[in-house]
Amino acid sequence: MSGAELFKDWIKRSDFGTYTAAADYLGLDKSIVTKLANGARRPGRDNAVKLERQTGIPVEAWGSDAADSSRGWARRNGRKRKTDKASNDHAKR
């Protein structure tokens, strides 16, 4: 499944009901959420990582641009991308 398909499915499973409610939760503009869900737009590296943390949709699902950029950034900065579990563990400290 593509990032857009996974994103639409996540919105449905999360019971937001509207793209507006999902946008509010994610801290994104409704027009961006609509474009992401319709496949008219893919997130950049930073937003793909943010979406991965908030929705569990892997960066790689959005396409090679976001995934390659994310891996390259992590390698250049000596870091690993945080997953939901890592983010939650960090928040507990």
N, C-alpha and C. Protein backbone atom coordinates (compact mmCIF):
# COMPACT_ATOMS: atom_id res chain seq x y z
N MET A 1 0.85 -1.20 0.00
CA MET A 1 0.00 0.00 0.00
C MET A 1 0.88 1.25 0.00
N SER A 2 0.40 2.27 -0.65
CA SER A 2 1.13 3.53 -0.71
C SER A 2 0.94 4.30 0.59
N GLY A 3 1.76 5.32 0.78
CA GLY A 3 1.61 6.17 1.94
C GLY A 3 0.23 6.82 2.00
N ALA A 4 -0.28 7.23 0.84
CA ALA A 4 -1.60 7.86 0.79
C ALA A 4 -2.69 6.88 1.23
N GLU A 5 -2.61 5.64 0.75
CA GLU A 5 -3.61 4.64 1.12
C GLU A 5 -3.53 4.32 2.61
N LEU A 6 -2.31 4.17 3.12
CA LEU A 6 -2.14 3.91 4.56
C LEU A 6 -2.65 5.08 5.39
N PHE A 7 -2.42 6.28 4.89
CA PHE A 7 -2.85 7.49 5.60
C PHE A 7 -4.37 7.57 5.67
N LYS A 8 -5.03 7.32 4.53
CA LYS A 8 -6.50 7.31 4.51
C LYS A 8 -7.05 6.26 5.46
N ASP A 9 -6.44 5.09 5.44
CA ASP A 9 -6.86 4.01 6.32
C ASP A 9 -6.67 4.40 7.79
N TRP A 10 -5.56 5.04 8.10
CA TRP A 10 -5.29 5.48 9.47
C TRP A 10 -6.35 6.49 9.92
N ILE A 11 -6.71 7.42 9.05
CA ILE A 11 -7.74 8.41 9.40
C ILE A 11 -9.07 7.71 9.71
N LYS A 12 -9.42 6.73 8.88
CA LYS A 12 -10.68 5.99 9.11
C LYS A 12 -10.63 5.21 10.41
N ARG A 13 -9.53 4.48 10.64
CA ARG A 13 -9.40 3.66 11.85
C ARG A 13 -9.33 4.51 13.12
N SER A 14 -8.85 5.73 12.99
CA SER A 14 -8.70 6.61 14.15
C SER A 14 -9.98 7.32 14.54
N ASP A 15 -11.04 7.11 13.78
CA ASP A 15 -12.34 7.72 14.07
C ASP A 15 -12.33 9.24 14.11
N PHE A 16 -11.46 9.86 13.31
CA PHE A 16 -11.47 11.32 13.26
C PHE A 16 -12.72 11.82 12.54
N GLY A 17 -13.16 11.08 11.55
CA GLY A 17 -14.37 11.45 10.83
C GLY A 17 -14.14 12.44 9.71
N THR A 18 -13.24 13.38 9.91
CA THR A 18 -12.97 14.39 8.88
C THR A 18 -11.47 14.63 8.77
N TYR A 19 -11.07 15.13 7.61
CA TYR A 19 -9.68 15.51 7.43
C TYR A 19 -9.33 16.68 8.36
N THR A 20 -10.31 17.52 8.65
CA THR A 20 -10.08 18.67 9.54
C THR A 20 -9.68 18.18 10.93
N ALA A 21 -10.39 17.19 11.45
CA ALA A 21 -10.07 16.66 12.78
C ALA A 21 -8.70 16.00 12.78
N ALA A 22 -8.39 15.27 11.72
CA ALA A 22 -7.07 14.64 11.62
C ALA A 22 -5.98 15.71 11.53
N ALA A 23 -6.24 16.75 10.76
CA ALA A 23 -5.27 17.84 10.62
C ALA A 23 -5.01 18.52 11.96
N ASP A 24 -6.06 18.75 12.73
CA ASP A 24 -5.89 19.35 14.04
C ASP A 24 -5.01 18.48 14.93
N TYR A 25 -5.27 17.18 14.93
CA TYR A 25 -4.48 16.25 15.74
C TYR A 25 -3.02 16.24 15.32
N LEU A 26 -2.79 16.24 14.01
CA LEU A 26 -1.43 16.16 13.47
C LEU A 26 -0.69 17.49 13.47
N GLY A 27 -1.42 18.58 13.66
CA GLY A 27 -0.79 19.89 13.62
C GLY A 27 -0.46 20.34 12.21
N LEU A 28 -1.25 19.88 11.25
CA LEU A 28 -1.05 20.24 9.85
C LEU A 28 -2.27 20.97 9.33
N ASP A 29 -2.10 21.70 8.25
CA ASP A 29 -3.21 22.37 7.60
C ASP A 29 -4.10 21.33 6.93
N LYS A 30 -5.40 21.56 6.94
CA LYS A 30 -6.36 20.61 6.33
C LYS A 30 -6.04 20.37 4.86
N SER A 31 -5.62 21.39 4.14
CA SER A 31 -5.33 21.20 2.71
C SER A 31 -4.17 20.23 2.51
N ILE A 32 -3.20 20.25 3.41
CA ILE A 32 -2.07 19.33 3.30
C ILE A 32 -2.53 17.90 3.58
N VAL A 33 -3.35 17.73 4.62
CA VAL A 33 -3.87 16.40 4.95
C VAL A 33 -4.68 15.85 3.78
N THR A 34 -5.51 16.68 3.18
CA THR A 34 -6.31 16.26 2.03
C THR A 34 -5.41 15.82 0.88
N LYS A 35 -4.39 16.59 0.58
CA LYS A 35 -3.48 16.25 -0.53
C LYS A 35 -2.69 14.99 -0.22
N LEU A 36 -2.26 14.80 1.03
CA LEU A 36 -1.55 13.59 1.41
C LEU A 36 -2.45 12.37 1.23
N ALA A 37 -3.69 12.48 1.69
CA ALA A 37 -4.63 11.36 1.62
C ALA A 37 -5.02 11.03 0.18
N ASN A 38 -5.04 12.01 -0.69
CA ASN A 38 -5.41 11.80 -2.09
C ASN A 38 -4.21 11.45 -2.97
N GLY A 39 -3.02 11.46 -2.40
CA GLY A 39 -1.83 11.15 -3.17
C GLY A 39 -1.35 12.28 -4.04
N ALA A 40 -1.92 13.47 -3.87
CA ALA A 40 -1.51 14.63 -4.66
C ALA A 40 -0.23 15.26 -4.12
N ARG A 41 0.15 14.86 -2.92
CA ARG A 41 1.34 15.42 -2.30
C ARG A 41 1.98 14.34 -1.43
N ARG A 42 3.31 14.35 -1.37
CA ARG A 42 4.03 13.48 -0.45
C ARG A 42 4.74 14.37 0.56
N PRO A 43 4.86 13.89 1.78
CA PRO A 43 5.54 14.71 2.78
C PRO A 43 7.05 14.75 2.53
N GLY A 44 7.67 15.85 2.92
CA GLY A 44 9.12 15.91 2.91
C GLY A 44 9.66 15.08 4.07
N ARG A 45 10.97 15.05 4.20
CA ARG A 45 11.60 14.23 5.22
C ARG A 45 11.08 14.52 6.62
N ASP A 46 11.09 15.78 7.01
CA ASP A 46 10.69 16.13 8.37
C ASP A 46 9.25 15.75 8.66
N ASN A 47 8.35 16.05 7.73
CA ASN A 47 6.95 15.70 7.94
C ASN A 47 6.73 14.19 7.87
N ALA A 48 7.49 13.49 7.03
CA ALA A 48 7.36 12.03 6.95
C ALA A 48 7.76 11.39 8.28
N VAL A 49 8.82 11.89 8.89
CA VAL A 49 9.25 11.37 10.19
C VAL A 49 8.21 11.70 11.25
N LYS A 50 7.69 12.92 11.22
CA LYS A 50 6.64 13.32 12.17
C LYS A 50 5.40 12.43 12.01
N LEU A 51 5.01 12.21 10.77
CA LEU A 51 3.85 11.35 10.51
C LEU A 51 4.11 9.92 10.96
N GLU A 52 5.33 9.44 10.78
CA GLU A 52 5.66 8.09 11.23
C GLU A 52 5.49 7.99 12.75
N ARG A 53 5.94 8.99 13.46
CA ARG A 53 5.82 8.98 14.92
C ARG A 53 4.36 9.05 15.37
N GLN A 54 3.55 9.82 14.66
CA GLN A 54 2.16 10.04 15.09
C GLN A 54 1.19 8.98 14.57
N THR A 55 1.50 8.38 13.43
CA THR A 55 0.54 7.46 12.81
C THR A 55 1.07 6.03 12.69
N GLY A 56 2.37 5.87 12.77
CA GLY A 56 2.96 4.55 12.56
C GLY A 56 3.19 4.22 11.10
N ILE A 57 2.88 5.14 10.19
CA ILE A 57 3.11 4.91 8.76
C ILE A 57 4.60 5.14 8.49
N PRO A 58 5.31 4.10 8.02
CA PRO A 58 6.75 4.24 7.82
C PRO A 58 7.09 5.31 6.78
N VAL A 59 8.19 5.97 7.00
CA VAL A 59 8.68 6.98 6.06
C VAL A 59 8.76 6.39 4.65
N GLU A 60 9.20 5.14 4.56
CA GLU A 60 9.40 4.49 3.27
C GLU A 60 8.10 4.36 2.47
N ALA A 61 6.96 4.34 3.14
CA ALA A 61 5.67 4.19 2.44
C ALA A 61 5.36 5.40 1.56
N TRP A 62 5.97 6.52 1.86
CA TRP A 62 5.67 7.74 1.10
C TRP A 62 6.49 7.85 -0.17
N GLY A 63 7.43 6.95 -0.37
CA GLY A 63 8.23 6.98 -1.59
C GLY A 63 9.69 7.18 -1.29
N SER A 64 10.49 7.00 -2.29
CA SER A 64 11.94 6.99 -2.10
C SER A 64 12.49 8.35 -1.69
N ASP A 65 11.89 9.44 -2.12
CA ASP A 65 12.44 10.76 -1.78
C ASP A 65 12.48 10.97 -0.27
N ALA A 66 11.37 10.74 0.39
CA ALA A 66 11.31 10.94 1.84
C ALA A 66 12.18 9.91 2.55
N ALA A 67 12.14 8.66 2.11
CA ALA A 67 12.91 7.60 2.77
C ALA A 67 14.41 7.82 2.59
N ASP A 68 14.85 8.08 1.36
CA ASP A 68 16.27 8.31 1.12
C ASP A 68 16.76 9.51 1.88
N SER A 69 15.99 10.56 1.87
CA SER A 69 16.36 11.77 2.57
C SER A 69 16.45 11.53 4.07
N SER A 70 15.51 10.78 4.62
CA SER A 70 15.49 10.50 6.04
C SER A 70 16.68 9.65 6.45
N ARG A 71 16.98 8.59 5.69
CA ARG A 71 18.12 7.73 6.01
C ARG A 71 19.42 8.50 5.87
N GLY A 72 19.53 9.29 4.81
CA GLY A 72 20.76 10.06 4.61
C GLY A 72 20.97 11.08 5.71
N TRP A 73 19.92 11.75 6.12
CA TRP A 73 20.02 12.73 7.20
C TRP A 73 20.45 12.04 8.49
N ALA A 74 19.86 10.88 8.78
CA ALA A 74 20.20 10.15 10.00
C ALA A 74 21.66 9.72 9.98
N ARG A 75 22.13 9.22 8.83
CA ARG A 75 23.54 8.80 8.72
C ARG A 75 24.47 9.99 8.89
N ARG A 76 24.16 11.09 8.23
CA ARG A 76 25.03 12.27 8.31
C ARG A 76 25.10 12.83 9.72
N ASN A 77 24.03 12.66 10.47
CA ASN A 77 23.99 13.22 11.82
C ASN A 77 24.23 12.16 12.90
N GLY A 78 24.60 10.96 12.49
CA GLY A 78 24.90 9.90 13.44
C GLY A 78 23.71 9.51 14.30
N ARG A 79 22.52 9.58 13.75
CA ARG A 79 21.31 9.29 14.52
C ARG A 79 20.46 8.25 13.82
N LYS A 80 19.58 7.67 14.61
CA LYS A 80 18.56 6.78 14.07
C LYS A 80 17.23 7.50 14.18
N ARG A 81 16.32 7.21 13.22
CA ARG A 81 14.97 7.75 13.33
C ARG A 81 14.31 7.12 14.53
N LYS A 82 13.57 7.91 15.26
CA LYS A 82 12.82 7.37 16.38
C LYS A 82 11.52 6.76 15.86
N THR A 83 11.14 5.65 16.44
CA THR A 83 9.86 5.04 16.13
C THR A 83 8.89 5.42 17.23
N ASP A 84 7.65 5.02 17.11
CA ASP A 84 6.68 5.32 18.16
C ASP A 84 7.16 4.82 19.51
N LYS A 85 7.70 3.60 19.57
CA LYS A 85 8.17 3.05 20.83
C LYS A 85 9.31 3.89 21.38
N ALA A 86 10.26 4.24 20.54
CA ALA A 86 11.39 5.05 21.00
C ALA A 86 10.92 6.41 21.48
N SER A 87 9.98 7.00 20.78
CA SER A 87 9.45 8.30 21.19
C SER A 87 8.75 8.18 22.54
N ASN A 88 7.98 7.11 22.71
CA ASN A 88 7.28 6.92 23.97
C ASN A 88 8.25 6.66 25.11
N ASP A 89 9.30 5.86 24.85
CA ASP A 89 10.31 5.61 25.88
C ASP A 89 11.00 6.90 26.29
N HIS A 90 11.29 7.73 25.29
CA HIS A 90 11.96 9.01 25.57
C HIS A 90 11.06 9.92 26.39
N ALA A 91 9.78 9.91 26.10
CA ALA A 91 8.83 10.78 26.80
C ALA A 91 8.68 10.36 28.26
N LYS A 92 8.96 9.09 28.58
CA LYS A 92 8.81 8.61 29.95
C LYS A 92 9.95 9.06 30.85
N ARG A 93 11.08 9.44 30.25
CA ARG A 93 12.26 9.82 31.05
C ARG A 93 12.11 11.16 31.68
